[in-house]
Every structure is written in C-alpha cells, then in structure tokens.
N, C-alpha and C. Protein backbone atom coordinates (compact mmCIF):
# COMPACT_ATOMS: atom_id res chain seq x y z
N MET A 1 100.13 189.53 -84.21
CA MET A 1 100.47 188.41 -83.36
C MET A 1 99.43 188.25 -82.24
N THR A 2 98.94 189.36 -81.72
CA THR A 2 97.96 189.31 -80.64
C THR A 2 96.65 188.69 -81.12
N ILE A 3 96.30 188.96 -82.37
CA ILE A 3 95.05 188.40 -82.90
C ILE A 3 95.13 186.87 -82.97
N LEU A 4 96.32 186.34 -83.26
CA LEU A 4 96.50 184.89 -83.27
C LEU A 4 96.35 184.31 -81.86
N ILE A 5 96.84 185.03 -80.89
CA ILE A 5 96.69 184.58 -79.50
C ILE A 5 95.22 184.59 -79.10
N ILE A 6 94.49 185.64 -79.50
CA ILE A 6 93.06 185.72 -79.19
C ILE A 6 92.31 184.56 -79.84
N LEU A 7 92.58 184.30 -81.12
CA LEU A 7 91.93 183.19 -81.82
C LEU A 7 92.30 181.85 -81.19
N PHE A 8 93.56 181.70 -80.79
CA PHE A 8 93.99 180.46 -80.14
C PHE A 8 93.29 180.27 -78.80
N LEU A 9 93.12 181.35 -78.03
CA LEU A 9 92.42 181.25 -76.75
C LEU A 9 90.96 180.87 -76.95
N ILE A 10 90.32 181.44 -77.98
CA ILE A 10 88.93 181.08 -78.27
C ILE A 10 88.85 179.61 -78.68
N PHE A 11 89.74 179.18 -79.57
CA PHE A 11 89.75 177.79 -80.02
C PHE A 11 89.99 176.84 -78.85
N LEU A 12 90.96 177.16 -78.02
CA LEU A 12 91.27 176.30 -76.86
C LEU A 12 90.12 176.31 -75.86
N GLY A 13 89.46 177.46 -75.68
CA GLY A 13 88.30 177.52 -74.79
C GLY A 13 87.15 176.65 -75.28
N ILE A 14 86.88 176.70 -76.60
CA ILE A 14 85.84 175.84 -77.18
C ILE A 14 86.23 174.38 -77.02
N LEU A 15 87.47 174.06 -77.27
CA LEU A 15 87.95 172.68 -77.14
C LEU A 15 87.78 172.16 -75.71
N LEU A 16 88.12 172.98 -74.74
CA LEU A 16 87.96 172.57 -73.33
C LEU A 16 86.48 172.42 -72.97
N LEU A 17 85.62 173.28 -73.47
CA LEU A 17 84.19 173.13 -73.21
C LEU A 17 83.64 171.85 -73.84
N LEU A 18 84.07 171.54 -75.06
CA LEU A 18 83.65 170.29 -75.68
C LEU A 18 84.15 169.09 -74.90
N LEU A 19 85.37 169.16 -74.41
CA LEU A 19 85.91 168.10 -73.57
C LEU A 19 85.07 167.95 -72.31
N GLU A 20 84.64 169.05 -71.76
CA GLU A 20 83.78 169.05 -70.58
C GLU A 20 82.45 168.36 -70.87
N PHE A 21 81.85 168.68 -72.00
CA PHE A 21 80.52 168.13 -72.33
C PHE A 21 80.57 166.67 -72.69
N VAL A 22 81.64 166.23 -73.36
CA VAL A 22 81.68 164.88 -73.90
C VAL A 22 82.39 163.89 -72.99
N VAL A 23 83.56 164.23 -72.52
CA VAL A 23 84.39 163.25 -71.81
C VAL A 23 84.16 163.27 -70.31
N ILE A 24 84.20 164.43 -69.69
CA ILE A 24 84.10 164.51 -68.24
C ILE A 24 82.98 165.46 -67.85
N PRO A 25 81.71 165.01 -67.95
CA PRO A 25 80.59 165.90 -67.64
C PRO A 25 80.57 166.31 -66.17
N GLY A 26 79.97 167.45 -65.94
CA GLY A 26 79.93 168.02 -64.60
C GLY A 26 80.75 169.30 -64.62
N ILE A 27 80.88 169.92 -63.49
CA ILE A 27 81.68 171.15 -63.41
C ILE A 27 83.08 170.73 -62.99
N THR A 28 84.00 170.72 -63.97
CA THR A 28 85.36 170.29 -63.69
C THR A 28 86.34 171.35 -64.16
N ILE A 29 87.61 171.04 -64.06
CA ILE A 29 88.67 171.95 -64.45
C ILE A 29 88.55 172.31 -65.94
N ALA A 30 88.17 171.35 -66.78
CA ALA A 30 88.08 171.61 -68.22
C ALA A 30 87.02 172.68 -68.50
N GLY A 31 85.85 172.58 -67.88
CA GLY A 31 84.80 173.56 -68.12
C GLY A 31 85.16 174.92 -67.58
N ILE A 32 85.70 174.94 -66.39
CA ILE A 32 86.11 176.22 -65.79
C ILE A 32 87.25 176.83 -66.60
N GLY A 33 88.20 175.99 -67.03
CA GLY A 33 89.31 176.48 -67.85
C GLY A 33 88.83 177.02 -69.18
N GLY A 34 87.84 176.35 -69.79
CA GLY A 34 87.30 176.84 -71.06
C GLY A 34 86.66 178.20 -70.92
N VAL A 35 85.89 178.38 -69.87
CA VAL A 35 85.24 179.68 -69.64
C VAL A 35 86.30 180.75 -69.36
N ILE A 36 87.31 180.41 -68.58
CA ILE A 36 88.38 181.38 -68.28
C ILE A 36 89.13 181.77 -69.56
N LEU A 37 89.42 180.79 -70.43
CA LEU A 37 90.12 181.10 -71.68
C LEU A 37 89.27 181.98 -72.60
N LEU A 38 87.97 181.71 -72.67
CA LEU A 38 87.10 182.57 -73.48
C LEU A 38 87.05 183.98 -72.89
N GLY A 39 86.98 184.08 -71.59
CA GLY A 39 87.00 185.40 -70.94
C GLY A 39 88.32 186.12 -71.16
N ALA A 40 89.42 185.36 -71.12
CA ALA A 40 90.74 185.96 -71.36
C ALA A 40 90.86 186.48 -72.79
N SER A 41 90.25 185.76 -73.74
CA SER A 41 90.31 186.23 -75.13
C SER A 41 89.54 187.53 -75.29
N VAL A 42 88.41 187.65 -74.63
CA VAL A 42 87.64 188.90 -74.69
C VAL A 42 88.42 190.03 -74.03
N TYR A 43 89.00 189.77 -72.87
CA TYR A 43 89.80 190.79 -72.18
C TYR A 43 90.97 191.24 -73.04
N LEU A 44 91.66 190.27 -73.65
CA LEU A 44 92.82 190.59 -74.48
C LEU A 44 92.40 191.42 -75.70
N ALA A 45 91.23 191.13 -76.27
CA ALA A 45 90.73 191.90 -77.42
C ALA A 45 90.43 193.34 -77.01
N PHE A 46 89.80 193.52 -75.84
CA PHE A 46 89.54 194.87 -75.34
C PHE A 46 90.85 195.60 -75.08
N ASP A 47 91.79 194.93 -74.46
CA ASP A 47 93.05 195.56 -74.06
C ASP A 47 93.92 195.91 -75.26
N ALA A 48 94.01 195.00 -76.23
CA ALA A 48 94.94 195.22 -77.34
C ALA A 48 94.33 196.04 -78.48
N TYR A 49 93.04 195.88 -78.77
CA TYR A 49 92.47 196.50 -79.97
C TYR A 49 91.35 197.50 -79.70
N GLY A 50 90.95 197.68 -78.46
CA GLY A 50 89.97 198.70 -78.15
C GLY A 50 88.56 198.15 -77.99
N VAL A 51 87.63 199.08 -77.86
CA VAL A 51 86.25 198.75 -77.53
C VAL A 51 85.54 198.00 -78.66
N VAL A 52 85.71 198.43 -79.90
CA VAL A 52 84.99 197.80 -81.02
C VAL A 52 85.42 196.34 -81.17
N ALA A 53 86.71 196.08 -81.17
CA ALA A 53 87.20 194.71 -81.31
C ALA A 53 86.80 193.87 -80.10
N GLY A 54 86.81 194.48 -78.93
CA GLY A 54 86.41 193.77 -77.72
C GLY A 54 84.94 193.37 -77.76
N ILE A 55 84.07 194.29 -78.23
CA ILE A 55 82.64 193.99 -78.33
C ILE A 55 82.39 192.91 -79.39
N LEU A 56 83.12 192.98 -80.51
CA LEU A 56 82.98 191.95 -81.54
C LEU A 56 83.42 190.58 -81.01
N THR A 57 84.51 190.54 -80.30
CA THR A 57 84.98 189.28 -79.71
C THR A 57 83.99 188.77 -78.68
N LEU A 58 83.46 189.67 -77.85
CA LEU A 58 82.46 189.28 -76.85
C LEU A 58 81.20 188.75 -77.52
N ALA A 59 80.75 189.41 -78.58
CA ALA A 59 79.57 188.94 -79.31
C ALA A 59 79.82 187.57 -79.92
N PHE A 60 81.02 187.37 -80.48
CA PHE A 60 81.35 186.06 -81.04
C PHE A 60 81.32 184.98 -79.96
N VAL A 61 81.91 185.29 -78.83
CA VAL A 61 81.96 184.30 -77.74
C VAL A 61 80.56 184.01 -77.21
N ILE A 62 79.73 185.01 -77.07
CA ILE A 62 78.39 184.81 -76.49
C ILE A 62 77.43 184.18 -77.50
N ILE A 63 77.53 184.55 -78.77
CA ILE A 63 76.57 184.08 -79.77
C ILE A 63 77.10 182.88 -80.56
N ALA A 64 78.28 183.00 -81.11
CA ALA A 64 78.77 181.98 -82.03
C ALA A 64 79.24 180.70 -81.34
N VAL A 65 79.86 180.82 -80.19
CA VAL A 65 80.37 179.62 -79.51
C VAL A 65 79.23 178.65 -79.15
N PRO A 66 78.12 179.10 -78.53
CA PRO A 66 77.04 178.15 -78.28
C PRO A 66 76.46 177.55 -79.56
N ILE A 67 76.39 178.35 -80.63
CA ILE A 67 75.88 177.83 -81.90
C ILE A 67 76.82 176.77 -82.46
N ILE A 68 78.11 177.01 -82.38
CA ILE A 68 79.10 176.04 -82.86
C ILE A 68 78.99 174.73 -82.07
N VAL A 69 78.89 174.82 -80.76
CA VAL A 69 78.77 173.62 -79.92
C VAL A 69 77.47 172.89 -80.24
N TYR A 70 76.37 173.63 -80.38
CA TYR A 70 75.08 173.00 -80.70
C TYR A 70 75.13 172.30 -82.05
N ARG A 71 75.68 172.96 -83.06
CA ARG A 71 75.76 172.36 -84.40
C ARG A 71 76.66 171.13 -84.41
N LEU A 72 77.71 171.16 -83.60
CA LEU A 72 78.58 169.99 -83.54
C LEU A 72 77.81 168.78 -83.01
N PHE A 73 77.02 168.97 -81.96
CA PHE A 73 76.28 167.85 -81.38
C PHE A 73 75.10 167.42 -82.25
N GLN A 74 74.66 168.26 -83.17
CA GLN A 74 73.60 167.88 -84.09
C GLN A 74 74.15 167.14 -85.31
N SER A 75 75.44 167.24 -85.56
CA SER A 75 76.03 166.56 -86.71
C SER A 75 76.12 165.06 -86.46
N ARG A 76 76.36 164.30 -87.51
CA ARG A 76 76.45 162.84 -87.40
C ARG A 76 77.60 162.43 -86.49
N SER A 77 78.74 163.07 -86.63
CA SER A 77 79.88 162.71 -85.78
C SER A 77 79.63 163.12 -84.33
N GLY A 78 78.92 164.20 -84.12
CA GLY A 78 78.59 164.62 -82.76
C GLY A 78 77.58 163.71 -82.10
N GLN A 79 76.67 163.12 -82.90
CA GLN A 79 75.68 162.19 -82.34
C GLN A 79 76.36 160.94 -81.79
N ARG A 80 77.46 160.53 -82.39
CA ARG A 80 78.17 159.35 -81.90
C ARG A 80 78.83 159.61 -80.55
N LEU A 81 79.05 160.87 -80.22
CA LEU A 81 79.66 161.21 -78.94
C LEU A 81 78.66 161.20 -77.79
N LEU A 82 77.37 161.31 -78.12
CA LEU A 82 76.34 161.41 -77.09
C LEU A 82 75.86 160.04 -76.67
N LEU A 83 75.40 159.94 -75.44
CA LEU A 83 74.82 158.72 -74.92
C LEU A 83 73.34 158.72 -75.23
N ASN A 84 72.90 157.79 -76.07
CA ASN A 84 71.52 157.74 -76.51
C ASN A 84 70.81 156.46 -76.11
N SER A 85 71.38 155.68 -75.23
CA SER A 85 70.75 154.41 -74.86
C SER A 85 69.60 154.66 -73.90
N GLU A 86 68.64 153.74 -73.93
CA GLU A 86 67.48 153.84 -73.06
C GLU A 86 67.45 152.64 -72.12
N ILE A 87 66.98 152.86 -70.93
CA ILE A 87 66.83 151.79 -69.96
C ILE A 87 65.39 151.32 -70.03
N ASP A 88 65.20 150.04 -70.33
CA ASP A 88 63.85 149.53 -70.48
C ASP A 88 63.54 148.42 -69.47
N GLY A 89 64.24 148.42 -68.37
CA GLY A 89 64.01 147.43 -67.32
C GLY A 89 62.74 147.74 -66.55
N HIS A 90 62.27 146.76 -65.81
CA HIS A 90 61.09 146.95 -64.99
C HIS A 90 61.23 146.15 -63.70
N VAL A 91 60.46 146.52 -62.72
CA VAL A 91 60.45 145.85 -61.43
C VAL A 91 59.21 144.98 -61.37
N ASP A 92 59.41 143.72 -61.00
CA ASP A 92 58.27 142.82 -60.87
C ASP A 92 57.46 143.21 -59.65
N LYS A 93 56.20 143.55 -59.86
CA LYS A 93 55.32 143.89 -58.75
C LYS A 93 54.49 142.67 -58.38
N ILE A 94 54.22 142.54 -57.11
CA ILE A 94 53.49 141.39 -56.61
C ILE A 94 51.99 141.70 -56.63
N ASP A 95 51.23 140.78 -57.19
CA ASP A 95 49.78 140.90 -57.22
C ASP A 95 49.24 140.47 -55.86
N GLU A 96 48.66 141.40 -55.14
CA GLU A 96 48.18 141.09 -53.78
C GLU A 96 46.97 140.17 -53.78
N LEU A 97 46.37 139.93 -54.95
CA LEU A 97 45.27 138.97 -55.03
C LEU A 97 45.79 137.54 -55.07
N GLN A 98 47.02 137.35 -55.57
CA GLN A 98 47.59 136.01 -55.67
C GLN A 98 48.37 135.61 -54.43
N ILE A 99 48.99 136.57 -53.75
CA ILE A 99 49.78 136.29 -52.55
C ILE A 99 49.15 137.04 -51.39
N LYS A 100 48.85 136.29 -50.32
CA LYS A 100 48.23 136.88 -49.14
C LYS A 100 49.02 136.49 -47.90
N VAL A 101 48.84 137.24 -46.84
CA VAL A 101 49.46 136.91 -45.56
C VAL A 101 48.92 135.56 -45.11
N GLY A 102 49.85 134.69 -44.72
CA GLY A 102 49.48 133.35 -44.27
C GLY A 102 49.72 132.28 -45.31
N ASP A 103 49.93 132.67 -46.58
CA ASP A 103 50.23 131.68 -47.62
C ASP A 103 51.56 131.01 -47.31
N GLU A 104 51.67 129.75 -47.74
CA GLU A 104 52.88 128.98 -47.49
C GLU A 104 53.58 128.68 -48.79
N GLY A 105 54.90 128.49 -48.70
CA GLY A 105 55.70 128.17 -49.87
C GLY A 105 57.00 127.54 -49.47
N ILE A 106 57.97 127.56 -50.36
CA ILE A 106 59.27 126.95 -50.10
C ILE A 106 60.37 127.85 -50.65
N THR A 107 61.51 127.84 -50.01
CA THR A 107 62.63 128.64 -50.49
C THR A 107 63.29 127.93 -51.67
N LEU A 108 63.58 128.70 -52.73
CA LEU A 108 64.26 128.15 -53.90
C LEU A 108 65.77 128.22 -53.74
N GLY A 109 66.21 129.17 -52.99
CA GLY A 109 67.62 129.36 -52.68
C GLY A 109 67.72 129.81 -51.24
N ARG A 110 68.91 130.03 -50.78
CA ARG A 110 69.11 130.47 -49.40
C ARG A 110 68.67 131.92 -49.26
N LEU A 111 67.91 132.22 -48.22
CA LEU A 111 67.55 133.61 -47.91
C LEU A 111 68.62 134.14 -46.98
N ALA A 112 69.38 135.13 -47.44
CA ALA A 112 70.50 135.62 -46.63
C ALA A 112 70.56 137.14 -46.62
N PRO A 113 69.67 137.89 -46.11
CA PRO A 113 68.32 137.57 -45.70
C PRO A 113 67.31 137.67 -46.83
N THR A 114 67.75 137.99 -48.07
CA THR A 114 66.81 138.01 -49.18
C THR A 114 67.16 136.90 -50.16
N GLY A 115 66.18 136.50 -50.95
CA GLY A 115 66.40 135.46 -51.95
C GLY A 115 65.11 135.14 -52.67
N ARG A 116 65.10 134.04 -53.42
CA ARG A 116 63.95 133.64 -54.21
C ARG A 116 63.16 132.56 -53.48
N VAL A 117 61.83 132.68 -53.55
CA VAL A 117 60.92 131.70 -52.97
C VAL A 117 59.84 131.35 -53.99
N LYS A 118 59.16 130.23 -53.73
CA LYS A 118 58.04 129.83 -54.56
C LYS A 118 56.82 129.74 -53.66
N ILE A 119 55.84 130.61 -53.96
CA ILE A 119 54.60 130.65 -53.20
C ILE A 119 53.45 130.62 -54.20
N ASN A 120 52.51 129.70 -54.02
CA ASN A 120 51.36 129.55 -54.93
C ASN A 120 51.81 129.43 -56.39
N ASN A 121 52.86 128.63 -56.63
CA ASN A 121 53.42 128.40 -57.96
C ASN A 121 53.96 129.66 -58.62
N LEU A 122 54.29 130.67 -57.84
CA LEU A 122 54.90 131.91 -58.35
C LEU A 122 56.30 132.06 -57.74
N ASN A 123 57.30 132.31 -58.59
CA ASN A 123 58.65 132.60 -58.11
C ASN A 123 58.77 134.09 -57.88
N MET A 124 59.27 134.47 -56.73
CA MET A 124 59.38 135.89 -56.40
C MET A 124 60.50 136.15 -55.41
N GLU A 125 60.78 137.41 -55.22
CA GLU A 125 61.79 137.85 -54.26
C GLU A 125 61.16 137.90 -52.87
N ALA A 126 61.91 137.42 -51.89
CA ALA A 126 61.41 137.41 -50.51
C ALA A 126 62.51 137.85 -49.57
N LYS A 127 62.09 138.32 -48.43
CA LYS A 127 63.02 138.72 -47.37
C LYS A 127 62.65 137.97 -46.12
N SER A 128 63.66 137.44 -45.45
CA SER A 128 63.42 136.67 -44.24
C SER A 128 63.31 137.61 -43.04
N ALA A 129 62.32 137.35 -42.20
CA ALA A 129 62.14 138.16 -40.99
C ALA A 129 63.04 137.69 -39.87
N THR A 130 63.58 136.47 -40.01
CA THR A 130 64.35 135.89 -38.90
C THR A 130 65.83 135.75 -39.22
N GLY A 131 66.29 136.26 -40.33
CA GLY A 131 67.71 136.13 -40.67
C GLY A 131 67.89 135.14 -41.80
N PHE A 132 68.88 134.26 -41.68
CA PHE A 132 69.20 133.31 -42.73
C PHE A 132 68.25 132.12 -42.71
N VAL A 133 67.80 131.72 -43.92
CA VAL A 133 66.95 130.55 -44.08
C VAL A 133 67.55 129.72 -45.21
N ASP A 134 67.75 128.41 -44.97
CA ASP A 134 68.35 127.55 -45.97
C ASP A 134 67.41 127.26 -47.13
N GLN A 135 67.96 126.61 -48.16
CA GLN A 135 67.20 126.23 -49.35
C GLN A 135 66.26 125.07 -49.01
N ASN A 136 65.12 125.03 -49.71
CA ASN A 136 64.10 123.98 -49.57
C ASN A 136 63.51 123.91 -48.16
N VAL A 137 63.31 125.05 -47.55
CA VAL A 137 62.67 125.14 -46.23
C VAL A 137 61.29 125.73 -46.44
N LYS A 138 60.27 125.15 -45.75
CA LYS A 138 58.92 125.69 -45.85
C LYS A 138 58.86 127.02 -45.13
N ILE A 139 58.18 127.97 -45.79
CA ILE A 139 58.07 129.33 -45.23
C ILE A 139 56.61 129.76 -45.26
N LYS A 140 56.33 130.79 -44.46
CA LYS A 140 54.99 131.37 -44.40
C LYS A 140 55.10 132.88 -44.59
N VAL A 141 54.18 133.46 -45.37
CA VAL A 141 54.16 134.90 -45.65
C VAL A 141 53.61 135.62 -44.43
N ILE A 142 54.36 136.61 -43.94
CA ILE A 142 53.85 137.40 -42.81
C ILE A 142 53.53 138.84 -43.22
N GLU A 143 54.04 139.27 -44.40
CA GLU A 143 53.70 140.61 -44.89
C GLU A 143 53.97 140.66 -46.40
N VAL A 144 53.13 141.37 -47.13
CA VAL A 144 53.27 141.51 -48.59
C VAL A 144 53.59 142.97 -48.91
N TYR A 145 54.74 143.18 -49.58
CA TYR A 145 55.13 144.51 -50.05
C TYR A 145 54.87 144.58 -51.55
N LYS A 146 55.21 145.72 -52.16
CA LYS A 146 54.98 145.89 -53.60
C LYS A 146 55.89 145.01 -54.44
N THR A 147 57.14 144.84 -54.02
CA THR A 147 58.10 144.11 -54.84
C THR A 147 58.62 142.83 -54.21
N GLN A 148 58.32 142.58 -52.96
CA GLN A 148 58.77 141.37 -52.29
C GLN A 148 57.85 141.04 -51.13
N VAL A 149 58.04 139.85 -50.59
CA VAL A 149 57.24 139.43 -49.44
C VAL A 149 58.18 139.20 -48.26
N LEU A 150 57.64 139.39 -47.07
CA LEU A 150 58.38 139.12 -45.84
C LEU A 150 57.91 137.76 -45.35
N VAL A 151 58.87 136.85 -45.14
CA VAL A 151 58.53 135.47 -44.78
C VAL A 151 59.27 135.05 -43.53
N GLU A 152 58.76 133.98 -42.93
CA GLU A 152 59.45 133.35 -41.82
C GLU A 152 59.34 131.84 -42.00
N PRO A 153 60.33 131.09 -41.53
CA PRO A 153 60.28 129.64 -41.69
C PRO A 153 59.18 129.04 -40.80
N ILE A 154 58.57 127.95 -41.32
CA ILE A 154 57.57 127.23 -40.53
C ILE A 154 58.33 126.19 -39.73
N ASN A 155 58.12 126.23 -38.44
CA ASN A 155 58.81 125.26 -37.56
C ASN A 155 58.24 123.88 -37.81
N GLN A 156 59.11 122.97 -38.23
CA GLN A 156 58.71 121.59 -38.48
C GLN A 156 59.16 120.75 -37.29
N GLU A 157 58.23 120.38 -36.45
CA GLU A 157 58.60 119.67 -35.23
C GLU A 157 58.27 118.22 -35.32
C-alpha cells in the first residue's frame, strides 16, 4: 500500500510541475507543491523501505522526472502547449537627413500631447512642446528624436 502512495506522490508531483510550466509559469504554489510532493515521496521511500529503495526513488526523481518532462514538451502534443509565436514588429525611425530642426508641417490629428503630423510629405509621430495642439495647425520642429519629433505651433497672427 505504501508503494502506491509513493507512486501517487511522484505522479502528482510531476503533474503539478507540468501545471507550473504550462498553465501558470513562474514560482507558484503548483511548482512548490510539486517539489514538496516529490521530496515527500523520496522521504516516504527511505522511511518505509530503507536506504536502497530510498536511493532508487531519489535517482528516479532526479533523473527520470526531468527526462519525462523534457520528452513531453518535445512530443507533438507538448509542442501545442508551448508558446511559439514571434513578434515581428518594428519601430519607425526618423531619418535625420529628411527632417531637420526648423522644418514646418501640419498636424494630422490633435496632439494631446502626442499625435501624428505631416512634415516634408512624411507622416510621423510627434510630441507637442506646449501641450495640446488642434488638428490642421501649422507646426515647427524644435527637436528631432529617434522615433518622434518635438514640435510647437507656429503663431499665426
């Protein structure tokens, strides 16, 4: 009967570790519980059956459990559990040869305080130095960053 309890603790420990890896990654109750159950199975094997059975159980837990988990994730059904998507987005960088300090343009939308502007026939992200700027207002570039420009409205008097 004790051997069934030991096997059940090992099975439940592996199950909790798999739950940790697949469903709730990070160090959580499932991972800690899995390690505790595996440790309890080794302790119970030492206590109930002696040193030889305890060492065999410890060797199984240390060697076979990682191999079982690794093989599961290498299988076709295990691959479906893993996140394999790639992020292929990019950030539009501003060419400093095309946009210079002092260039003028117009706001395409409201800058609150960031938004889209058109400068030298290029649409780009801009940030207002003075706060909110309405749509279709003439602006002037006062600083060029890598991904956006700092602009201010041109006073039309």
